[in-house]
């Protein structure tokens, strides 16, 4: 029952979290209400996603390279471009999920003091286990650094 509830919640959140589907297409724009897909089961091995006070969704500010779902060590490279007129902090999370919409691995990076109109490159790394079906991206920004 809980697994089915998590799957329903994950589907409901799919408009806020962008599935990568292992393509080279850029993710679509996000709403200001991005949400982290919460893991089901034992999530103790997953890095936490830092919360930023006053954060808004910023997937539209980010571009991502390919996100592989095969087992093994993976690197997802990307870039954020500050679309605001103030210095901001970004949090980017890449989550690898299985067919049941459970997060089985996650990589997180935080970039502080990205200048107005400036950009920052990032690298997210993770050891991806067997059984992953897709990737999701989570990007928020908040004023300050």
N, C-alpha and C. Protein backbone atom coordinates (compact mmCIF):
# COMPACT_ATOMS: atom_id res chain seq x y z
N UNK A 1 0.82 -1.19 0.00
CA UNK A 1 0.00 0.00 0.00
C UNK A 1 0.87 1.26 0.00
N UNK A 2 1.90 1.28 0.84
CA UNK A 2 2.77 2.45 0.90
C UNK A 2 3.50 2.63 -0.42
N UNK A 3 3.98 1.55 -1.02
CA UNK A 3 4.68 1.64 -2.30
C UNK A 3 3.75 2.22 -3.36
N UNK A 4 2.49 1.81 -3.38
CA UNK A 4 1.53 2.33 -4.35
C UNK A 4 1.30 3.81 -4.09
N UNK A 5 1.20 4.22 -2.81
CA UNK A 5 1.02 5.63 -2.48
C UNK A 5 2.22 6.45 -2.95
N UNK A 6 3.43 5.94 -2.73
CA UNK A 6 4.63 6.64 -3.18
C UNK A 6 4.62 6.78 -4.69
N UNK A 7 4.21 5.73 -5.39
CA UNK A 7 4.16 5.81 -6.85
C UNK A 7 3.15 6.85 -7.31
N UNK A 8 2.00 6.92 -6.65
CA UNK A 8 0.99 7.92 -7.01
C UNK A 8 1.51 9.32 -6.73
N UNK A 9 2.16 9.52 -5.59
CA UNK A 9 2.73 10.83 -5.27
C UNK A 9 3.80 11.19 -6.29
N UNK A 10 4.63 10.24 -6.65
CA UNK A 10 5.69 10.52 -7.63
C UNK A 10 5.10 10.91 -8.97
N UNK A 11 4.02 10.26 -9.38
CA UNK A 11 3.37 10.63 -10.64
C UNK A 11 2.79 12.03 -10.53
N UNK A 12 2.18 12.35 -9.40
CA UNK A 12 1.61 13.68 -9.21
C UNK A 12 2.69 14.74 -9.24
N UNK A 13 3.86 14.42 -8.74
CA UNK A 13 4.95 15.39 -8.71
C UNK A 13 5.69 15.47 -10.03
N UNK A 14 5.37 14.59 -10.96
CA UNK A 14 6.15 14.56 -12.20
C UNK A 14 6.06 15.85 -12.99
N UNK A 15 5.05 16.67 -12.73
CA UNK A 15 5.00 17.96 -13.42
C UNK A 15 5.99 18.94 -12.81
N UNK A 16 6.47 18.66 -11.60
CA UNK A 16 7.43 19.54 -10.96
C UNK A 16 8.86 19.04 -11.09
N UNK A 17 9.03 17.73 -11.18
CA UNK A 17 10.34 17.14 -11.34
C UNK A 17 10.43 16.63 -12.76
N UNK A 18 11.50 16.93 -13.42
CA UNK A 18 11.60 16.65 -14.85
C UNK A 18 12.27 15.31 -15.07
N UNK A 19 11.57 14.33 -15.68
CA UNK A 19 12.22 13.06 -15.98
C UNK A 19 13.17 13.21 -17.16
N UNK A 20 14.34 12.63 -17.03
CA UNK A 20 15.32 12.75 -18.10
C UNK A 20 15.08 11.76 -19.22
N UNK A 21 14.56 10.60 -18.88
CA UNK A 21 14.29 9.55 -19.86
C UNK A 21 15.51 9.25 -20.73
N UNK A 22 16.68 9.52 -20.22
CA UNK A 22 17.93 9.20 -20.89
C UNK A 22 18.02 9.77 -22.29
N UNK A 23 17.53 10.95 -22.48
CA UNK A 23 17.64 11.57 -23.79
C UNK A 23 18.55 12.78 -23.69
N UNK A 24 18.90 13.31 -24.84
CA UNK A 24 19.73 14.49 -24.87
C UNK A 24 18.89 15.76 -24.97
N UNK A 25 17.55 15.60 -24.91
CA UNK A 25 16.68 16.76 -24.96
C UNK A 25 16.81 17.55 -23.67
N UNK A 26 16.79 18.89 -23.75
CA UNK A 26 16.85 19.68 -22.53
C UNK A 26 15.56 19.52 -21.75
N UNK A 27 15.62 19.62 -20.41
CA UNK A 27 14.40 19.50 -19.62
C UNK A 27 13.50 20.70 -19.86
N UNK A 28 12.17 20.50 -19.79
CA UNK A 28 11.27 21.62 -19.95
C UNK A 28 11.32 22.54 -18.74
N UNK A 29 10.73 23.71 -18.87
CA UNK A 29 10.71 24.67 -17.77
C UNK A 29 9.95 24.10 -16.59
N UNK A 30 10.31 24.56 -15.41
CA UNK A 30 9.65 24.08 -14.21
C UNK A 30 8.74 25.16 -13.66
N UNK A 31 7.89 24.74 -12.77
CA UNK A 31 7.05 25.69 -12.05
C UNK A 31 7.82 26.18 -10.85
N UNK A 32 7.32 27.21 -10.17
CA UNK A 32 8.02 27.66 -8.97
C UNK A 32 7.83 26.71 -7.80
N UNK A 33 7.19 25.57 -8.02
CA UNK A 33 6.92 24.63 -6.94
C UNK A 33 7.57 23.28 -7.20
N UNK A 34 8.84 23.27 -7.59
CA UNK A 34 9.54 22.01 -7.80
C UNK A 34 9.52 21.22 -6.51
N UNK A 35 9.54 19.91 -6.64
CA UNK A 35 9.54 19.05 -5.46
C UNK A 35 10.53 17.92 -5.67
N UNK A 36 11.14 17.50 -4.61
CA UNK A 36 12.06 16.37 -4.66
C UNK A 36 11.22 15.10 -4.59
N UNK A 37 11.50 14.14 -5.50
CA UNK A 37 10.85 12.85 -5.41
C UNK A 37 11.44 12.15 -4.20
N UNK A 38 10.58 11.81 -3.25
CA UNK A 38 11.07 11.19 -2.02
C UNK A 38 11.27 9.70 -2.23
N UNK A 39 12.35 9.17 -1.68
CA UNK A 39 12.63 7.75 -1.85
C UNK A 39 11.69 6.89 -1.03
N UNK A 40 11.41 5.70 -1.54
CA UNK A 40 10.68 4.71 -0.77
C UNK A 40 11.68 3.74 -0.17
N UNK A 41 11.28 3.05 0.87
CA UNK A 41 12.17 2.06 1.47
C UNK A 41 13.32 2.71 2.21
N UNK A 42 14.46 2.02 2.22
CA UNK A 42 15.64 2.48 2.95
C UNK A 42 16.37 3.56 2.16
N UNK A 43 16.34 4.78 2.65
CA UNK A 43 16.96 5.90 1.95
C UNK A 43 18.20 6.43 2.68
N UNK A 44 18.69 5.68 3.66
CA UNK A 44 19.81 6.16 4.47
C UNK A 44 21.06 6.41 3.63
N UNK A 45 21.21 5.72 2.51
CA UNK A 45 22.41 5.87 1.67
C UNK A 45 22.34 7.08 0.75
N UNK A 46 21.19 7.73 0.65
CA UNK A 46 21.03 8.86 -0.27
C UNK A 46 21.48 10.16 0.37
N UNK A 47 22.20 10.99 -0.38
CA UNK A 47 22.57 12.30 0.18
C UNK A 47 21.32 13.16 0.33
N UNK A 48 21.25 13.94 1.39
CA UNK A 48 20.08 14.82 1.57
C UNK A 48 20.11 15.97 0.57
N UNK A 49 18.93 16.48 0.25
CA UNK A 49 18.83 17.65 -0.62
C UNK A 49 18.65 18.86 0.29
N UNK A 50 19.63 19.77 0.31
CA UNK A 50 19.55 20.93 1.20
C UNK A 50 18.34 21.80 0.86
N UNK A 51 17.70 22.31 1.89
CA UNK A 51 16.60 23.25 1.69
C UNK A 51 17.17 24.66 1.73
N UNK A 52 16.70 25.49 0.80
CA UNK A 52 17.10 26.89 0.74
C UNK A 52 15.92 27.75 1.11
N UNK A 53 16.11 28.66 2.04
CA UNK A 53 15.04 29.58 2.42
C UNK A 53 14.68 30.47 1.24
N UNK A 54 13.39 30.55 0.94
CA UNK A 54 12.93 31.40 -0.15
C UNK A 54 13.19 30.83 -1.53
N UNK A 55 13.44 29.52 -1.62
CA UNK A 55 13.78 28.91 -2.90
C UNK A 55 12.57 28.84 -3.83
N UNK A 56 12.87 28.97 -5.12
CA UNK A 56 11.87 28.79 -6.18
C UNK A 56 12.43 27.82 -7.20
N UNK A 57 11.54 27.15 -7.92
CA UNK A 57 11.96 26.22 -8.96
C UNK A 57 12.76 26.92 -10.04
N UNK A 58 13.81 26.25 -10.51
CA UNK A 58 14.70 26.88 -11.49
C UNK A 58 15.22 25.90 -12.53
N UNK A 59 14.44 24.87 -12.85
CA UNK A 59 14.87 23.91 -13.86
C UNK A 59 15.14 24.62 -15.19
N UNK A 60 14.39 25.68 -15.47
CA UNK A 60 14.58 26.42 -16.73
C UNK A 60 15.96 27.09 -16.79
N UNK A 61 16.61 27.29 -15.65
CA UNK A 61 17.94 27.90 -15.61
C UNK A 61 19.05 26.88 -15.86
N UNK A 62 18.70 25.60 -15.95
CA UNK A 62 19.72 24.54 -16.01
C UNK A 62 19.69 23.79 -17.33
N UNK A 63 20.86 23.34 -17.73
CA UNK A 63 20.99 22.40 -18.83
C UNK A 63 21.78 21.21 -18.31
N UNK A 64 21.47 20.03 -18.84
CA UNK A 64 22.09 18.79 -18.39
C UNK A 64 22.61 18.00 -19.57
N UNK A 65 23.76 17.36 -19.38
CA UNK A 65 24.24 16.39 -20.35
C UNK A 65 23.46 15.10 -20.12
N UNK A 66 23.82 14.07 -20.85
CA UNK A 66 23.16 12.77 -20.78
C UNK A 66 23.20 12.19 -19.36
N UNK A 67 22.11 11.56 -18.96
CA UNK A 67 22.03 10.87 -17.67
C UNK A 67 21.83 9.38 -17.96
N UNK A 68 22.86 8.59 -17.74
CA UNK A 68 22.82 7.16 -18.02
C UNK A 68 22.14 6.40 -16.89
N UNK A 69 21.44 5.31 -17.24
CA UNK A 69 20.74 4.51 -16.24
C UNK A 69 21.32 3.11 -16.10
N UNK A 70 22.40 2.83 -16.80
CA UNK A 70 23.05 1.53 -16.67
C UNK A 70 23.80 1.47 -15.34
N UNK A 71 23.94 0.29 -14.77
CA UNK A 71 24.67 0.18 -13.50
C UNK A 71 26.11 0.64 -13.63
N UNK A 72 26.62 1.27 -12.57
CA UNK A 72 28.01 1.68 -12.54
C UNK A 72 28.18 3.12 -12.14
N UNK A 73 29.42 3.60 -12.08
CA UNK A 73 29.67 4.99 -11.72
C UNK A 73 29.28 5.91 -12.88
N UNK A 74 28.57 6.98 -12.55
CA UNK A 74 28.12 7.92 -13.60
C UNK A 74 28.37 9.35 -13.18
N UNK A 75 28.55 10.19 -14.19
CA UNK A 75 28.73 11.62 -14.01
C UNK A 75 27.69 12.31 -14.89
N UNK A 76 26.97 13.25 -14.31
CA UNK A 76 26.06 14.10 -15.07
C UNK A 76 26.61 15.52 -14.96
N UNK A 77 26.96 16.08 -16.09
CA UNK A 77 27.48 17.44 -16.14
C UNK A 77 26.36 18.38 -16.55
N UNK A 78 26.46 19.60 -16.09
CA UNK A 78 25.46 20.58 -16.46
C UNK A 78 25.91 21.99 -16.17
N UNK A 79 24.99 22.91 -16.38
CA UNK A 79 25.28 24.32 -16.19
C UNK A 79 24.01 25.03 -15.75
N UNK A 80 24.16 25.95 -14.80
CA UNK A 80 23.05 26.84 -14.45
C UNK A 80 23.40 28.23 -14.92
N UNK A 81 22.40 28.93 -15.41
CA UNK A 81 22.57 30.32 -15.83
C UNK A 81 21.58 31.16 -15.03
N UNK A 82 22.12 32.05 -14.22
CA UNK A 82 21.30 32.88 -13.34
C UNK A 82 20.47 33.85 -14.17
N UNK A 83 19.17 33.63 -14.18
CA UNK A 83 18.26 34.46 -14.97
C UNK A 83 17.72 35.65 -14.18
N UNK A 84 18.27 35.88 -12.99
CA UNK A 84 17.79 36.97 -12.15
C UNK A 84 18.78 38.13 -12.16
N UNK A 85 18.39 39.20 -11.47
CA UNK A 85 19.27 40.37 -11.36
C UNK A 85 19.92 40.46 -9.99
N UNK A 86 20.05 39.31 -9.31
CA UNK A 86 20.71 39.27 -8.01
C UNK A 86 21.54 38.00 -7.88
N UNK A 87 22.50 38.01 -6.98
CA UNK A 87 23.30 36.83 -6.71
C UNK A 87 22.43 35.77 -6.06
N UNK A 88 22.57 34.51 -6.51
CA UNK A 88 21.72 33.43 -5.99
C UNK A 88 22.54 32.19 -5.69
N UNK A 89 21.93 31.31 -4.91
CA UNK A 89 22.46 29.98 -4.65
C UNK A 89 21.55 28.98 -5.33
N UNK A 90 22.15 27.98 -5.99
CA UNK A 90 21.39 26.90 -6.64
C UNK A 90 21.64 25.59 -5.90
N UNK A 91 20.61 24.75 -5.86
CA UNK A 91 20.74 23.35 -5.47
C UNK A 91 20.24 22.53 -6.65
N UNK A 92 21.09 21.59 -7.09
CA UNK A 92 20.73 20.69 -8.19
C UNK A 92 20.82 19.27 -7.65
N UNK A 93 19.76 18.48 -7.89
CA UNK A 93 19.76 17.07 -7.53
C UNK A 93 19.38 16.25 -8.76
N UNK A 94 20.14 15.20 -9.00
CA UNK A 94 19.79 14.22 -10.01
C UNK A 94 19.45 12.95 -9.26
N UNK A 95 18.24 12.44 -9.50
CA UNK A 95 17.80 11.21 -8.85
C UNK A 95 17.60 10.12 -9.89
N UNK A 96 18.10 8.93 -9.58
CA UNK A 96 17.90 7.76 -10.43
C UNK A 96 16.77 6.97 -9.80
N UNK A 97 15.72 6.70 -10.58
CA UNK A 97 14.53 6.03 -10.04
C UNK A 97 14.27 4.72 -10.76
N UNK A 98 13.53 3.83 -10.06
CA UNK A 98 13.19 2.53 -10.65
C UNK A 98 11.76 2.56 -11.20
N UNK A 99 11.30 1.43 -11.70
CA UNK A 99 9.97 1.34 -12.30
C UNK A 99 8.84 1.66 -11.32
N UNK A 100 9.07 1.49 -10.04
CA UNK A 100 8.06 1.78 -9.02
C UNK A 100 8.13 3.23 -8.54
N UNK A 101 8.94 4.05 -9.20
CA UNK A 101 9.12 5.46 -8.87
C UNK A 101 9.84 5.66 -7.54
N UNK A 102 10.60 4.67 -7.11
CA UNK A 102 11.43 4.81 -5.91
C UNK A 102 12.78 5.39 -6.31
N UNK A 103 13.27 6.34 -5.54
CA UNK A 103 14.61 6.87 -5.75
C UNK A 103 15.58 5.84 -5.20
N UNK A 104 16.46 5.35 -6.06
CA UNK A 104 17.43 4.35 -5.63
C UNK A 104 18.84 4.91 -5.51
N UNK A 105 19.07 6.07 -6.12
CA UNK A 105 20.35 6.76 -5.98
C UNK A 105 20.14 8.24 -6.28
N UNK A 106 21.00 9.06 -5.69
CA UNK A 106 20.88 10.51 -5.89
C UNK A 106 22.25 11.15 -5.78
N UNK A 107 22.45 12.18 -6.58
CA UNK A 107 23.62 13.04 -6.48
C UNK A 107 23.15 14.47 -6.31
N UNK A 108 23.82 15.23 -5.47
CA UNK A 108 23.39 16.59 -5.15
C UNK A 108 24.60 17.52 -5.19
N UNK A 109 24.37 18.73 -5.70
CA UNK A 109 25.41 19.75 -5.69
C UNK A 109 24.76 21.10 -5.35
N UNK A 110 25.54 21.93 -4.64
CA UNK A 110 25.10 23.28 -4.28
C UNK A 110 26.11 24.28 -4.83
N UNK A 111 25.60 25.34 -5.46
CA UNK A 111 26.46 26.38 -6.02
C UNK A 111 26.05 27.71 -5.42
N UNK A 112 26.94 28.33 -4.68
CA UNK A 112 26.65 29.60 -4.02
C UNK A 112 27.22 30.77 -4.81
N UNK A 113 26.63 31.93 -4.60
CA UNK A 113 27.10 33.19 -5.16
C UNK A 113 27.22 33.18 -6.69
N UNK A 114 26.18 32.68 -7.36
CA UNK A 114 26.17 32.76 -8.82
C UNK A 114 25.69 34.17 -9.17
N UNK A 115 26.54 34.93 -9.81
CA UNK A 115 26.30 36.36 -10.07
C UNK A 115 25.10 36.58 -10.99
N UNK A 116 24.48 37.75 -10.88
CA UNK A 116 23.36 38.07 -11.78
C UNK A 116 23.78 37.92 -13.24
N UNK A 117 23.02 37.16 -14.00
CA UNK A 117 23.35 36.93 -15.40
C UNK A 117 24.53 35.99 -15.61
N UNK A 118 25.15 35.54 -14.52
CA UNK A 118 26.31 34.65 -14.61
C UNK A 118 25.91 33.19 -14.72
N UNK A 119 26.90 32.35 -14.80
CA UNK A 119 26.65 30.91 -14.91
C UNK A 119 27.64 30.14 -14.06
N UNK A 120 27.31 28.88 -13.82
CA UNK A 120 28.20 27.98 -13.08
C UNK A 120 28.03 26.57 -13.64
N UNK A 121 29.15 25.92 -13.89
CA UNK A 121 29.13 24.52 -14.32
C UNK A 121 29.04 23.64 -13.08
N UNK A 122 28.40 22.48 -13.22
CA UNK A 122 28.34 21.55 -12.10
C UNK A 122 28.55 20.13 -12.59
N UNK A 123 28.93 19.27 -11.65
CA UNK A 123 29.10 17.85 -11.91
C UNK A 123 28.42 17.10 -10.77
N UNK A 124 27.51 16.20 -11.12
CA UNK A 124 26.84 15.34 -10.15
C UNK A 124 27.33 13.93 -10.40
N UNK A 125 27.79 13.25 -9.36
CA UNK A 125 28.30 11.89 -9.50
C UNK A 125 27.47 10.93 -8.64
N UNK A 126 27.42 9.68 -9.09
CA UNK A 126 26.72 8.65 -8.31
C UNK A 126 27.12 7.28 -8.82
N UNK A 127 27.04 6.31 -7.94
CA UNK A 127 27.22 4.91 -8.28
C UNK A 127 25.80 4.37 -8.49
N UNK A 128 25.43 4.14 -9.73
CA UNK A 128 24.06 3.77 -10.07
C UNK A 128 23.90 2.25 -9.98
N UNK A 129 22.90 1.80 -9.20
CA UNK A 129 22.68 0.36 -9.07
C UNK A 129 21.86 -0.20 -10.23
N UNK A 130 21.73 -1.51 -10.26
CA UNK A 130 20.90 -2.18 -11.25
C UNK A 130 19.43 -1.85 -10.98
N UNK A 131 18.62 -1.82 -12.04
CA UNK A 131 17.18 -1.63 -11.87
C UNK A 131 16.68 -0.21 -12.06
N UNK A 132 17.57 0.70 -12.44
CA UNK A 132 17.16 2.09 -12.65
C UNK A 132 16.47 2.21 -14.00
N UNK A 133 15.36 2.94 -14.03
CA UNK A 133 14.65 3.10 -15.30
C UNK A 133 14.74 4.51 -15.87
N UNK A 134 14.97 5.52 -15.03
CA UNK A 134 15.09 6.88 -15.55
C UNK A 134 15.73 7.79 -14.51
N UNK A 135 15.98 9.02 -14.93
CA UNK A 135 16.56 10.05 -14.07
C UNK A 135 15.54 11.18 -13.92
N UNK A 136 15.62 11.88 -12.81
CA UNK A 136 14.84 13.10 -12.64
C UNK A 136 15.78 14.20 -12.19
N UNK A 137 15.41 15.43 -12.52
CA UNK A 137 16.20 16.59 -12.14
C UNK A 137 15.39 17.49 -11.22
N UNK A 138 16.08 18.05 -10.25
CA UNK A 138 15.48 18.98 -9.31
C UNK A 138 16.43 20.17 -9.23
N UNK A 139 15.93 21.38 -9.49
CA UNK A 139 16.76 22.58 -9.45
C UNK A 139 15.97 23.69 -8.79
N UNK A 140 16.54 24.28 -7.75
CA UNK A 140 15.95 25.46 -7.12
C UNK A 140 17.03 26.52 -6.95
N UNK A 141 16.58 27.76 -6.80
CA UNK A 141 17.52 28.85 -6.51
C UNK A 141 16.89 29.72 -5.43
N UNK A 142 17.78 30.38 -4.69
CA UNK A 142 17.34 31.29 -3.62
C UNK A 142 18.28 32.48 -3.61
N UNK A 143 17.78 33.64 -3.23
CA UNK A 143 18.64 34.82 -3.16
C UNK A 143 19.80 34.62 -2.19
N UNK A 144 20.90 35.26 -2.50
CA UNK A 144 22.05 35.23 -1.60
C UNK A 144 22.98 34.08 -1.88
N UNK A 145 23.83 33.82 -0.94
CA UNK A 145 24.81 32.79 -1.20
C UNK A 145 25.23 32.10 0.02
